[in-house]
Amino acid sequence: GGGLVQPGGSLRLSCAASGSIFSITAMGWYRQAPGKQRELVATVISG
């Protein structure tokens, strides 16, 4: 879902976990811009 978009536009990112998974506690998105630390964008927990 990543790519180039104009200011004011929209984008939808997707992430699928696969493999031998018993349960997922939480999933989320982080981002890192050049010269900056990686930061939390959003998370969702199992509940």
All heavy atoms as atom14 arrays in JSON, in Angstrom:
{
  "sequence": "GGGLVQPGGSLRLSCAASGSIFSITAMGWYRQAPGKQRELVATVISG",
  "atom14_mask": [
    [1, 1, 1, 1, 0, 0, 0, 0, 0, 0, 0, 0, 0, 0],
    [1, 1, 1, 1, 0, 0, 0, 0, 0, 0, 0, 0, 0, 0],
    [1, 1, 1, 1, 0, 0, 0, 0, 0, 0, 0, 0, 0, 0],
    [1, 1, 1, 1, 1, 1, 1, 1, 0, 0, 0, 0, 0, 0],
    [1, 1, 1, 1, 1, 1, 1, 0, 0, 0, 0, 0, 0, 0],
    [1, 1, 1, 1, 1, 1, 1, 1, 1, 0, 0, 0, 0, 0],
    [1, 1, 1, 1, 1, 1, 1, 0, 0, 0, 0, 0, 0, 0],
    [1, 1, 1, 1, 0, 0, 0, 0, 0, 0, 0, 0, 0, 0],
    [1, 1, 1, 1, 0, 0, 0, 0, 0, 0, 0, 0, 0, 0],
    [1, 1, 1, 1, 1, 1, 0, 0, 0, 0, 0, 0, 0, 0],
    [1, 1, 1, 1, 1, 1, 1, 1, 0, 0, 0, 0, 0, 0],
    [1, 1, 1, 1, 1, 1, 1, 1, 1, 1, 1, 0, 0, 0],
    [1, 1, 1, 1, 1, 1, 1, 1, 0, 0, 0, 0, 0, 0],
    [1, 1, 1, 1, 1, 1, 0, 0, 0, 0, 0, 0, 0, 0],
    [1, 1, 1, 1, 1, 1, 0, 0, 0, 0, 0, 0, 0, 0],
    [1, 1, 1, 1, 1, 0, 0, 0, 0, 0, 0, 0, 0, 0],
    [1, 1, 1, 1, 1, 0, 0, 0, 0, 0, 0, 0, 0, 0],
    [1, 1, 1, 1, 1, 1, 0, 0, 0, 0, 0, 0, 0, 0],
    [1, 1, 1, 1, 0, 0, 0, 0, 0, 0, 0, 0, 0, 0],
    [1, 1, 1, 1, 1, 1, 0, 0, 0, 0, 0, 0, 0, 0],
    [1, 1, 1, 1, 1, 1, 1, 1, 0, 0, 0, 0, 0, 0],
    [1, 1, 1, 1, 1, 1, 1, 1, 1, 1, 1, 0, 0, 0],
    [1, 1, 1, 1, 1, 1, 0, 0, 0, 0, 0, 0, 0, 0],
    [1, 1, 1, 1, 1, 1, 1, 1, 0, 0, 0, 0, 0, 0],
    [1, 1, 1, 1, 1, 1, 1, 0, 0, 0, 0, 0, 0, 0],
    [1, 1, 1, 1, 1, 0, 0, 0, 0, 0, 0, 0, 0, 0],
    [1, 1, 1, 1, 1, 1, 1, 1, 0, 0, 0, 0, 0, 0],
    [1, 1, 1, 1, 0, 0, 0, 0, 0, 0, 0, 0, 0, 0],
    [1, 1, 1, 1, 1, 1, 1, 1, 1, 1, 1, 1, 1, 1],
    [1, 1, 1, 1, 1, 1, 1, 1, 1, 1, 1, 1, 0, 0],
    [1, 1, 1, 1, 1, 1, 1, 1, 1, 1, 1, 0, 0, 0],
    [1, 1, 1, 1, 1, 1, 1, 1, 1, 0, 0, 0, 0, 0],
    [1, 1, 1, 1, 1, 0, 0, 0, 0, 0, 0, 0, 0, 0],
    [1, 1, 1, 1, 1, 1, 1, 0, 0, 0, 0, 0, 0, 0],
    [1, 1, 1, 1, 0, 0, 0, 0, 0, 0, 0, 0, 0, 0],
    [1, 1, 1, 1, 1, 1, 1, 1, 1, 0, 0, 0, 0, 0],
    [1, 1, 1, 1, 1, 1, 1, 1, 1, 0, 0, 0, 0, 0],
    [1, 1, 1, 1, 1, 1, 1, 1, 1, 1, 1, 0, 0, 0],
    [1, 1, 1, 1, 1, 1, 1, 1, 1, 0, 0, 0, 0, 0],
    [1, 1, 1, 1, 1, 1, 1, 1, 0, 0, 0, 0, 0, 0],
    [1, 1, 1, 1, 1, 1, 1, 0, 0, 0, 0, 0, 0, 0],
    [1, 1, 1, 1, 1, 0, 0, 0, 0, 0, 0, 0, 0, 0],
    [1, 1, 1, 1, 1, 1, 1, 0, 0, 0, 0, 0, 0, 0],
    [1, 1, 1, 1, 1, 1, 1, 0, 0, 0, 0, 0, 0, 0],
    [1, 1, 1, 1, 1, 1, 1, 1, 0, 0, 0, 0, 0, 0],
    [1, 1, 1, 1, 1, 1, 0, 0, 0, 0, 0, 0, 0, 0],
    [1, 1, 1, 1, 0, 0, 0, 0, 0, 0, 0, 0, 0, 0]
  ],
  "atom14_positions": [
    [[0.77, -1.23, 0.0], [0.0, 0.0, 0.0], [0.8, 1.29, 0.0], [0.23, 2.37, -0.16], [0.0, 0.0, 0.0], [0.0, 0.0, 0.0], [0.0, 0.0, 0.0], [0.0, 0.0, 0.0], [0.0, 0.0, 0.0], [0.0, 0.0, 0.0], [0.0, 0.0, 0.0], [0.0, 0.0, 0.0], [0.0, 0.0, 0.0], [0.0, 0.0, 0.0]],
    [[2.1, 1.2, 0.19], [2.92, 2.4, 0.18], [3.05, 2.96, -1.22], [2.75, 2.31, -2.21], [0.0, 0.0, 0.0], [0.0, 0.0, 0.0], [0.0, 0.0, 0.0], [0.0, 0.0, 0.0], [0.0, 0.0, 0.0], [0.0, 0.0, 0.0], [0.0, 0.0, 0.0], [0.0, 0.0, 0.0], [0.0, 0.0, 0.0], [0.0, 0.0, 0.0]],
    [[3.52, 4.2, -1.29], [3.71, 4.83, -2.58], [3.73, 6.34, -2.49], [3.94, 6.91, -1.42], [0.0, 0.0, 0.0], [0.0, 0.0, 0.0], [0.0, 0.0, 0.0], [0.0, 0.0, 0.0], [0.0, 0.0, 0.0], [0.0, 0.0, 0.0], [0.0, 0.0, 0.0], [0.0, 0.0, 0.0], [0.0, 0.0, 0.0], [0.0, 0.0, 0.0]],
    [[3.52, 6.97, -3.63], [3.53, 8.43, -3.74], [2.11, 8.95, -3.75], [1.25, 8.45, -4.49], [4.26, 8.85, -5.02], [4.27, 10.34, -5.36], [5.05, 11.12, -4.31], [4.86, 10.54, -6.75], [0.0, 0.0, 0.0], [0.0, 0.0, 0.0], [0.0, 0.0, 0.0], [0.0, 0.0, 0.0], [0.0, 0.0, 0.0], [0.0, 0.0, 0.0]],
    [[1.87, 9.99, -2.95], [0.55, 10.6, -2.89], [0.7, 12.11, -2.73], [1.68, 12.58, -2.15], [-0.28, 10.0, -1.72], [0.35, 10.34, -0.38], [-1.72, 10.47, -1.78], [0.0, 0.0, 0.0], [0.0, 0.0, 0.0], [0.0, 0.0, 0.0], [0.0, 0.0, 0.0], [0.0, 0.0, 0.0], [0.0, 0.0, 0.0], [0.0, 0.0, 0.0]],
    [[-0.25, 12.86, -3.25], [-0.21, 14.31, -3.14], [-0.66, 14.78, -1.77], [-1.42, 14.08, -1.09], [-1.12, 14.95, -4.2], [-0.7, 14.7, -5.63], [-1.56, 15.46, -6.61], [-1.47, 16.68, -6.72], [-2.41, 14.74, -7.32], [0.0, 0.0, 0.0], [0.0, 0.0, 0.0], [0.0, 0.0, 0.0], [0.0, 0.0, 0.0], [0.0, 0.0, 0.0]],
    [[-0.19, 15.94, -1.32], [-0.67, 16.49, -0.05], [-2.19, 16.59, -0.04], [-2.8, 17.01, -1.02], [-0.02, 17.87, 0.0], [1.22, 17.73, -0.82], [0.84, 16.8, -1.94], [0.0, 0.0, 0.0], [0.0, 0.0, 0.0], [0.0, 0.0, 0.0], [0.0, 0.0, 0.0], [0.0, 0.0, 0.0], [0.0, 0.0, 0.0], [0.0, 0.0, 0.0]],
    [[-2.78, 16.2, 1.08], [-4.22, 16.18, 1.19], [-4.85, 14.89, 0.73], [-6.05, 14.68, 0.94], [0.0, 0.0, 0.0], [0.0, 0.0, 0.0], [0.0, 0.0, 0.0], [0.0, 0.0, 0.0], [0.0, 0.0, 0.0], [0.0, 0.0, 0.0], [0.0, 0.0, 0.0], [0.0, 0.0, 0.0], [0.0, 0.0, 0.0], [0.0, 0.0, 0.0]],
    [[-4.06, 14.03, 0.13], [-4.57, 12.77, -0.37], [-4.65, 11.7, 0.7], [-4.38, 11.94, 1.88], [0.0, 0.0, 0.0], [0.0, 0.0, 0.0], [0.0, 0.0, 0.0], [0.0, 0.0, 0.0], [0.0, 0.0, 0.0], [0.0, 0.0, 0.0], [0.0, 0.0, 0.0], [0.0, 0.0, 0.0], [0.0, 0.0, 0.0], [0.0, 0.0, 0.0]],
    [[-5.01, 10.5, 0.28], [-5.19, 9.38, 1.19], [-4.4, 8.17, 0.73], [-4.1, 8.02, -0.46], [-6.67, 9.01, 1.3], [-7.44, 10.08, 1.81], [0.0, 0.0, 0.0], [0.0, 0.0, 0.0], [0.0, 0.0, 0.0], [0.0, 0.0, 0.0], [0.0, 0.0, 0.0], [0.0, 0.0, 0.0], [0.0, 0.0, 0.0], [0.0, 0.0, 0.0]],
    [[-4.1, 7.32, 1.68], [-3.37, 6.1, 1.41], [-3.78, 5.05, 2.43], [-4.04, 5.38, 3.59], [-1.87, 6.36, 1.48], [-0.92, 5.46, 0.68], [-1.22, 5.55, -0.81], [0.52, 5.86, 0.94], [0.0, 0.0, 0.0], [0.0, 0.0, 0.0], [0.0, 0.0, 0.0], [0.0, 0.0, 0.0], [0.0, 0.0, 0.0], [0.0, 0.0, 0.0]],
    [[-3.83, 3.8, 2.0], [-4.2, 2.7, 2.89], [-3.1, 1.66, 2.89], [-2.81, 1.05, 1.86], [-5.52, 2.08, 2.46], [-6.03, 0.94, 3.36], [-7.43, 0.53, 2.93], [-7.99, -0.56, 3.73], [-8.08, -1.82, 3.31], [-7.66, -2.17, 2.11], [-8.62, -2.74, 4.1], [0.0, 0.0, 0.0], [0.0, 0.0, 0.0], [0.0, 0.0, 0.0]],
    [[-2.49, 1.45, 4.04], [-1.45, 0.45, 4.2], [-2.04, -0.83, 4.76], [-2.95, -0.8, 5.58], [-0.34, 0.95, 5.13], [0.33, 2.28, 4.78], [1.43, 2.58, 5.78], [0.86, 2.27, 3.36], [0.0, 0.0, 0.0], [0.0, 0.0, 0.0], [0.0, 0.0, 0.0], [0.0, 0.0, 0.0], [0.0, 0.0, 0.0], [0.0, 0.0, 0.0]],
    [[-1.5, -1.96, 4.31], [-1.93, -3.26, 4.8], [-0.72, -4.06, 5.26], [0.36, -3.95, 4.69], [-2.67, -4.05, 3.71], [-3.82, -3.35, 3.26], [0.0, 0.0, 0.0], [0.0, 0.0, 0.0], [0.0, 0.0, 0.0], [0.0, 0.0, 0.0], [0.0, 0.0, 0.0], [0.0, 0.0, 0.0], [0.0, 0.0, 0.0], [0.0, 0.0, 0.0]],
    [[-0.93, -4.9, 6.27], [0.12, -5.77, 6.76], [-0.5, -7.07, 7.23], [-1.35, -7.07, 8.13], [0.88, -5.1, 7.91], [2.11, -6.18, 8.7], [0.0, 0.0, 0.0], [0.0, 0.0, 0.0], [0.0, 0.0, 0.0], [0.0, 0.0, 0.0], [0.0, 0.0, 0.0], [0.0, 0.0, 0.0], [0.0, 0.0, 0.0], [0.0, 0.0, 0.0]],
    [[-0.06, -8.17, 6.64], [-0.57, -9.49, 6.99], [0.52, -10.32, 7.66], [1.62, -10.45, 7.12], [-1.1, -10.2, 5.76], [0.0, 0.0, 0.0], [0.0, 0.0, 0.0], [0.0, 0.0, 0.0], [0.0, 0.0, 0.0], [0.0, 0.0, 0.0], [0.0, 0.0, 0.0], [0.0, 0.0, 0.0], [0.0, 0.0, 0.0], [0.0, 0.0, 0.0]],
    [[0.2, -10.86, 8.81], [1.11, -11.77, 9.51], [0.81, -13.2, 9.1], [-0.35, -13.62, 9.08], [0.98, -11.6, 11.02], [0.0, 0.0, 0.0], [0.0, 0.0, 0.0], [0.0, 0.0, 0.0], [0.0, 0.0, 0.0], [0.0, 0.0, 0.0], [0.0, 0.0, 0.0], [0.0, 0.0, 0.0], [0.0, 0.0, 0.0], [0.0, 0.0, 0.0]],
    [[1.84, -13.95, 8.79], [1.66, -15.33, 8.37], [2.7, -16.23, 9.04], [3.71, -15.76, 9.56], [1.74, -15.47, 6.85], [3.02, -15.07, 6.38], [0.0, 0.0, 0.0], [0.0, 0.0, 0.0], [0.0, 0.0, 0.0], [0.0, 0.0, 0.0], [0.0, 0.0, 0.0], [0.0, 0.0, 0.0], [0.0, 0.0, 0.0], [0.0, 0.0, 0.0]],
    [[2.46, -17.54, 8.99], [3.34, -18.5, 9.61], [2.66, -19.22, 10.75], [1.43, -19.24, 10.84], [0.0, 0.0, 0.0], [0.0, 0.0, 0.0], [0.0, 0.0, 0.0], [0.0, 0.0, 0.0], [0.0, 0.0, 0.0], [0.0, 0.0, 0.0], [0.0, 0.0, 0.0], [0.0, 0.0, 0.0], [0.0, 0.0, 0.0], [0.0, 0.0, 0.0]],
    [[3.45, -19.81, 11.63], [2.91, -20.54, 12.78], [2.62, -19.56, 13.9], [3.49, -19.22, 14.7], [3.9, -21.61, 13.24], [4.14, -22.57, 12.23], [0.0, 0.0, 0.0], [0.0, 0.0, 0.0], [0.0, 0.0, 0.0], [0.0, 0.0, 0.0], [0.0, 0.0, 0.0], [0.0, 0.0, 0.0], [0.0, 0.0, 0.0], [0.0, 0.0, 0.0]],
    [[1.38, -19.11, 13.94], [0.96, -18.1, 14.91], [-0.14, -18.67, 15.8], [-1.16, -19.13, 15.31], [0.45, -16.84, 14.21], [1.55, -16.23, 13.34], [-0.05, -15.82, 15.23], [1.08, -15.11, 12.46], [0.0, 0.0, 0.0], [0.0, 0.0, 0.0], [0.0, 0.0, 0.0], [0.0, 0.0, 0.0], [0.0, 0.0, 0.0], [0.0, 0.0, 0.0]],
    [[0.08, -18.61, 17.1], [-0.93, -19.07, 18.05], [-1.87, -17.94, 18.45], [-3.08, -18.15, 18.55], [-0.27, -19.68, 19.29], [0.34, -21.03, 19.07], [1.66, -21.16, 18.67], [-0.41, -22.18, 19.26], [2.22, -22.41, 18.45], [0.13, -23.43, 19.05], [1.45, -23.54, 18.64], [0.0, 0.0, 0.0], [0.0, 0.0, 0.0], [0.0, 0.0, 0.0]],
    [[-1.32, -16.78, 18.68], [-2.13, -15.64, 19.04], [-1.35, -14.36, 18.81], [-0.12, -14.35, 18.86], [-2.6, -15.72, 20.5], [-1.49, -15.67, 21.38], [0.0, 0.0, 0.0], [0.0, 0.0, 0.0], [0.0, 0.0, 0.0], [0.0, 0.0, 0.0], [0.0, 0.0, 0.0], [0.0, 0.0, 0.0], [0.0, 0.0, 0.0], [0.0, 0.0, 0.0]],
    [[-2.07, -13.28, 18.57], [-1.47, -11.97, 18.36], [-1.91, -11.04, 19.49], [-3.1, -10.83, 19.69], [-1.86, -11.38, 17.01], [-1.36, -12.28, 15.88], [-1.31, -9.97, 16.86], [-1.76, -11.81, 14.5], [0.0, 0.0, 0.0], [0.0, 0.0, 0.0], [0.0, 0.0, 0.0], [0.0, 0.0, 0.0], [0.0, 0.0, 0.0], [0.0, 0.0, 0.0]],
    [[-0.95, -10.52, 20.2], [-1.24, -9.61, 21.29], [-1.55, -8.21, 20.78], [-2.49, -7.56, 21.23], [-0.07, -9.55, 22.28], [0.19, -10.86, 22.78], [-0.38, -8.62, 23.45], [0.0, 0.0, 0.0], [0.0, 0.0, 0.0], [0.0, 0.0, 0.0], [0.0, 0.0, 0.0], [0.0, 0.0, 0.0], [0.0, 0.0, 0.0], [0.0, 0.0, 0.0]],
    [[-0.74, -7.75, 19.83], [-0.92, -6.41, 19.29], [-0.27, -6.31, 17.93], [0.69, -7.01, 17.62], [-0.33, -5.37, 20.24], [0.0, 0.0, 0.0], [0.0, 0.0, 0.0], [0.0, 0.0, 0.0], [0.0, 0.0, 0.0], [0.0, 0.0, 0.0], [0.0, 0.0, 0.0], [0.0, 0.0, 0.0], [0.0, 0.0, 0.0], [0.0, 0.0, 0.0]],
    [[-0.78, -5.41, 17.11], [-0.18, -5.07, 15.84], [-0.19, -3.56, 15.7], [-1.04, -2.88, 16.29], [-0.91, -5.71, 14.66], [-0.89, -7.22, 14.66], [-1.6, -7.95, 13.16], [-0.28, -7.64, 11.98], [0.0, 0.0, 0.0], [0.0, 0.0, 0.0], [0.0, 0.0, 0.0], [0.0, 0.0, 0.0], [0.0, 0.0, 0.0], [0.0, 0.0, 0.0]],
    [[0.76, -3.05, 14.94], [0.81, -1.61, 14.8], [1.71, -1.15, 13.68], [2.3, -1.95, 12.95], [0.0, 0.0, 0.0], [0.0, 0.0, 0.0], [0.0, 0.0, 0.0], [0.0, 0.0, 0.0], [0.0, 0.0, 0.0], [0.0, 0.0, 0.0], [0.0, 0.0, 0.0], [0.0, 0.0, 0.0], [0.0, 0.0, 0.0], [0.0, 0.0, 0.0]],
    [[1.79, 0.17, 13.56], [2.6, 0.81, 12.54], [3.54, 1.81, 13.18], [3.16, 2.57, 14.08], [1.72, 1.53, 11.52], [0.9, 0.6, 10.68], [-0.37, 0.18, 10.92], [1.31, -0.01, 9.46], [-0.78, -0.67, 9.92], [0.22, -0.81, 9.01], [2.47, 0.02, 8.7], [0.28, -1.55, 7.83], [2.53, -0.72, 7.53], [1.44, -1.49, 7.11]],
    [[4.77, 1.8, 12.7], [5.79, 2.77, 13.09], [6.32, 3.42, 11.83], [6.14, 2.9, 10.72], [6.94, 2.09, 13.84], [6.55, 1.52, 15.19], [5.76, 0.38, 15.3], [6.98, 2.13, 16.38], [5.4, -0.15, 16.52], [6.63, 1.6, 17.61], [5.85, 0.48, 17.67], [5.5, -0.05, 18.91], [0.0, 0.0, 0.0], [0.0, 0.0, 0.0]],
    [[6.98, 4.55, 11.98], [7.58, 5.2, 10.83], [8.9, 5.85, 11.2], [9.13, 6.2, 12.36], [6.63, 6.23, 10.22], [6.39, 7.46, 11.09], [5.36, 8.37, 10.44], [5.13, 9.58, 11.21], [4.2, 10.49, 10.92], [3.4, 10.31, 9.87], [4.05, 11.57, 11.68], [0.0, 0.0, 0.0], [0.0, 0.0, 0.0], [0.0, 0.0, 0.0]],
    [[9.75, 6.01, 10.21], [11.04, 6.65, 10.41], [11.37, 7.51, 9.21], [11.48, 7.02, 8.09], [12.14, 5.61, 10.63], [13.47, 6.21, 11.02], [14.45, 5.17, 11.54], [14.32, 3.98, 11.26], [15.42, 5.6, 12.31], [0.0, 0.0, 0.0], [0.0, 0.0, 0.0], [0.0, 0.0, 0.0], [0.0, 0.0, 0.0], [0.0, 0.0, 0.0]],
    [[11.53, 8.8, 9.45], [11.93, 9.74, 8.43], [13.44, 9.93, 8.49], [14.06, 9.71, 9.54], [11.22, 11.08, 8.62], [0.0, 0.0, 0.0], [0.0, 0.0, 0.0], [0.0, 0.0, 0.0], [0.0, 0.0, 0.0], [0.0, 0.0, 0.0], [0.0, 0.0, 0.0], [0.0, 0.0, 0.0], [0.0, 0.0, 0.0], [0.0, 0.0, 0.0]],
    [[14.07, 10.35, 7.39], [15.51, 10.57, 7.39], [15.94, 11.53, 8.48], [15.36, 12.6, 8.63], [15.77, 11.15, 6.0], [14.67, 10.61, 5.15], [13.48, 10.59, 6.06], [0.0, 0.0, 0.0], [0.0, 0.0, 0.0], [0.0, 0.0, 0.0], [0.0, 0.0, 0.0], [0.0, 0.0, 0.0], [0.0, 0.0, 0.0], [0.0, 0.0, 0.0]],
    [[16.95, 11.14, 9.25], [17.47, 11.98, 10.31], [16.64, 11.99, 11.57], [16.96, 12.74, 12.51], [0.0, 0.0, 0.0], [0.0, 0.0, 0.0], [0.0, 0.0, 0.0], [0.0, 0.0, 0.0], [0.0, 0.0, 0.0], [0.0, 0.0, 0.0], [0.0, 0.0, 0.0], [0.0, 0.0, 0.0], [0.0, 0.0, 0.0], [0.0, 0.0, 0.0]],
    [[15.59, 11.19, 11.64], [14.74, 11.15, 12.81], [14.66, 9.73, 13.38], [14.95, 8.76, 12.7], [13.33, 11.64, 12.47], [13.26, 13.1, 12.06], [11.83, 13.54, 11.86], [11.74, 15.01, 11.51], [10.33, 15.45, 11.32], [0.0, 0.0, 0.0], [0.0, 0.0, 0.0], [0.0, 0.0, 0.0], [0.0, 0.0, 0.0], [0.0, 0.0, 0.0]],
    [[14.27, 9.66, 14.64], [14.09, 8.37, 15.28], [12.79, 7.71, 14.83], [11.85, 8.38, 14.42], [14.08, 8.52, 16.8], [15.37, 9.05, 17.4], [15.32, 9.11, 18.91], [14.6, 8.34, 19.56], [16.08, 10.01, 19.49], [0.0, 0.0, 0.0], [0.0, 0.0, 0.0], [0.0, 0.0, 0.0], [0.0, 0.0, 0.0], [0.0, 0.0, 0.0]],
    [[12.77, 6.39, 14.9], [11.55, 5.68, 14.59], [10.5, 6.0, 15.65], [10.79, 6.0, 16.85], [11.81, 4.17, 14.54], [10.62, 3.35, 14.08], [10.98, 1.87, 13.92], [12.01, 1.67, 12.91], [12.42, 0.48, 12.49], [11.87, -0.63, 12.97], [13.37, 0.4, 11.58], [0.0, 0.0, 0.0], [0.0, 0.0, 0.0], [0.0, 0.0, 0.0]],
    [[9.28, 6.25, 15.21], [8.23, 6.63, 16.12], [6.97, 5.81, 15.89], [6.7, 5.34, 14.79], [7.9, 8.12, 15.98], [7.34, 8.5, 14.61], [6.93, 9.96, 14.53], [6.95, 10.66, 15.56], [6.59, 10.41, 13.41], [0.0, 0.0, 0.0], [0.0, 0.0, 0.0], [0.0, 0.0, 0.0], [0.0, 0.0, 0.0], [0.0, 0.0, 0.0]],
    [[6.21, 5.67, 16.95], [4.94, 4.97, 16.87], [3.92, 5.82, 16.12], [3.81, 7.02, 16.36], [4.42, 4.67, 18.28], [2.99, 4.12, 18.39], [2.93, 2.7, 17.86], [2.5, 4.17, 19.83], [0.0, 0.0, 0.0], [0.0, 0.0, 0.0], [0.0, 0.0, 0.0], [0.0, 0.0, 0.0], [0.0, 0.0, 0.0], [0.0, 0.0, 0.0]],
    [[3.18, 5.19, 15.22], [2.09, 5.85, 14.52], [0.76, 5.44, 15.13], [-0.04, 6.28, 15.54], [2.1, 5.54, 13.01], [0.92, 6.21, 12.32], [3.42, 5.98, 12.38], [0.0, 0.0, 0.0], [0.0, 0.0, 0.0], [0.0, 0.0, 0.0], [0.0, 0.0, 0.0], [0.0, 0.0, 0.0], [0.0, 0.0, 0.0], [0.0, 0.0, 0.0]],
    [[0.51, 4.15, 15.18], [-0.74, 3.64, 15.73], [-0.6, 2.16, 16.07], [0.16, 1.44, 15.43], [-1.89, 3.84, 14.74], [0.0, 0.0, 0.0], [0.0, 0.0, 0.0], [0.0, 0.0, 0.0], [0.0, 0.0, 0.0], [0.0, 0.0, 0.0], [0.0, 0.0, 0.0], [0.0, 0.0, 0.0], [0.0, 0.0, 0.0], [0.0, 0.0, 0.0]],
    [[-1.34, 1.73, 17.08], [-1.36, 0.32, 17.45], [-2.79, -0.1, 17.78], [-3.63, 0.71, 18.14], [-0.48, 0.01, 18.68], [-0.92, 0.79, 19.79], [0.98, 0.32, 18.39], [0.0, 0.0, 0.0], [0.0, 0.0, 0.0], [0.0, 0.0, 0.0], [0.0, 0.0, 0.0], [0.0, 0.0, 0.0], [0.0, 0.0, 0.0], [0.0, 0.0, 0.0]],
    [[-3.04, -1.39, 17.65], [-4.3, -1.98, 18.07], [-3.98, -3.28, 18.8], [-3.2, -4.11, 18.32], [-5.24, -2.22, 16.86], [-4.59, -3.1, 15.81], [-6.56, -2.82, 17.34], [0.0, 0.0, 0.0], [0.0, 0.0, 0.0], [0.0, 0.0, 0.0], [0.0, 0.0, 0.0], [0.0, 0.0, 0.0], [0.0, 0.0, 0.0], [0.0, 0.0, 0.0]],
    [[-4.56, -3.46, 19.99], [-4.31, -4.65, 20.78], [-5.41, -5.68, 20.53], [-6.41, -5.39, 19.86], [-4.21, -4.34, 22.28], [-5.53, -3.8, 22.83], [-3.08, -3.34, 22.53], [-5.52, -3.61, 24.33], [0.0, 0.0, 0.0], [0.0, 0.0, 0.0], [0.0, 0.0, 0.0], [0.0, 0.0, 0.0], [0.0, 0.0, 0.0], [0.0, 0.0, 0.0]],
    [[-5.22, -6.87, 21.08], [-6.13, -7.98, 20.82], [-7.57, -7.68, 21.23], [-8.51, -8.17, 20.6], [-5.64, -9.25, 21.52], [-5.55, -9.06, 22.92], [0.0, 0.0, 0.0], [0.0, 0.0, 0.0], [0.0, 0.0, 0.0], [0.0, 0.0, 0.0], [0.0, 0.0, 0.0], [0.0, 0.0, 0.0], [0.0, 0.0, 0.0], [0.0, 0.0, 0.0]],
    [[-7.73, -6.88, 22.28], [-9.06, -6.53, 22.74], [-9.75, -5.47, 21.9], [-10.93, -5.2, 22.11], [0.0, 0.0, 0.0], [0.0, 0.0, 0.0], [0.0, 0.0, 0.0], [0.0, 0.0, 0.0], [0.0, 0.0, 0.0], [0.0, 0.0, 0.0], [0.0, 0.0, 0.0], [0.0, 0.0, 0.0], [0.0, 0.0, 0.0], [0.0, 0.0, 0.0]]
  ]
}
